[in-house]
Amino acid sequence: MAWVVLEHSIEDVNRAGKVLASLHSEDELDRALEIINNWRASHYFPLNTFATRLRRRAARYPRALVSQRIKRLT
């Protein structure tokens, strides 16, 4: 799996969230979704790596449950 590199600053991500929360043009919404999807994808690899390592360590405990998810974007 390739690691997705974060291409935008946190300020860009916050602005994109504000655009999605209000009414803007279709072009602005498309750009905001592009930024937010990059943000989400850039966190998938570290989350997956951590969950995999945690599962290995939790295997010692029979009742341990490890889950992971990237929040849905509605």
Protein backbone atom coordinates (compact mmCIF):
# COMPACT_ATOMS: atom_id res chain seq x y z
CA MET A 1 0.00 0.00 0.00
CA ALA A 2 1.35 3.41 -0.93
CA TRP A 3 1.50 6.12 1.69
CA VAL A 4 -0.59 9.12 0.63
CA VAL A 5 1.29 12.33 1.28
CA LEU A 6 -0.60 15.23 2.82
CA GLU A 7 -0.64 17.94 0.15
CA HIS A 8 -2.42 20.71 2.06
CA SER A 9 -1.91 22.69 5.25
CA ILE A 10 -4.22 22.38 8.23
CA GLU A 11 -5.49 25.86 7.38
CA ASP A 12 -6.50 24.60 3.91
CA VAL A 13 -8.28 21.64 5.48
CA ASN A 14 -10.15 23.88 7.92
CA ARG A 15 -11.17 26.25 5.11
CA ALA A 16 -12.38 23.28 3.06
CA GLY A 17 -14.52 22.15 5.99
CA LYS A 18 -16.09 25.60 6.21
CA VAL A 19 -16.83 25.54 2.48
CA LEU A 20 -18.58 22.18 2.84
CA ALA A 21 -20.59 23.48 5.79
CA SER A 22 -21.99 26.41 3.81
CA LEU A 23 -23.38 27.00 0.35
CA HIS A 24 -20.74 27.66 -2.29
CA SER A 25 -20.27 27.10 -6.00
CA GLU A 26 -19.83 23.60 -7.36
CA ASP A 27 -16.17 24.31 -8.20
CA GLU A 28 -15.46 25.39 -4.62
CA LEU A 29 -17.19 22.30 -3.27
CA ASP A 30 -15.21 20.02 -5.60
CA ARG A 31 -11.93 21.61 -4.49
CA ALA A 32 -12.93 21.34 -0.82
CA LEU A 33 -13.75 17.64 -1.26
CA GLU A 34 -10.39 17.08 -2.96
CA ILE A 35 -8.57 18.64 0.01
CA ILE A 36 -10.61 16.76 2.61
CA ASN A 37 -10.23 13.43 0.82
CA ASN A 38 -6.46 13.93 0.67
CA TRP A 39 -6.47 14.67 4.41
CA ARG A 40 -8.45 11.51 5.13
CA ALA A 41 -6.34 9.33 2.84
CA SER A 42 -3.10 10.60 4.37
CA HIS A 43 -4.24 9.24 7.74
CA TYR A 44 -5.20 5.78 6.50
CA PHE A 45 -1.69 4.27 6.38
CA PRO A 46 -0.62 5.36 9.89
CA LEU A 47 -3.98 4.23 11.31
CA ASN A 48 -3.69 0.85 9.60
CA THR A 49 -0.09 0.40 10.78
CA PHE A 50 -1.01 1.21 14.37
CA ALA A 51 -4.05 -1.08 14.34
CA THR A 52 -1.99 -3.96 12.90
CA ARG A 53 0.64 -3.61 15.61
CA LEU A 54 -2.01 -3.31 18.28
CA ARG A 55 -3.73 -6.48 17.00
CA ARG A 56 -0.46 -8.40 17.27
CA ARG A 57 0.04 -7.28 20.85
CA ALA A 58 -3.60 -7.85 21.75
CA ALA A 59 -3.44 -11.44 20.48
CA ARG A 60 -2.09 -12.40 23.93
CA TYR A 61 -5.42 -11.48 25.45
CA PRO A 62 -8.30 -13.70 24.39
CA ARG A 63 -11.05 -11.10 24.84
CA ALA A 64 -9.21 -8.16 23.28
CA LEU A 65 -10.97 -6.36 20.47
CA VAL A 66 -9.21 -3.97 18.10
CA SER A 67 -11.07 -1.97 15.49
CA GLN A 68 -10.32 0.92 13.18
CA ARG A 69 -12.18 3.25 10.89
CA ILE A 70 -11.81 6.45 8.98
CA LYS A 71 -14.81 8.65 9.68
CA ARG A 72 -17.41 8.75 6.94
CA LEU A 73 -17.86 11.89 4.95
CA THR A 74 -21.56 12.42 4.41
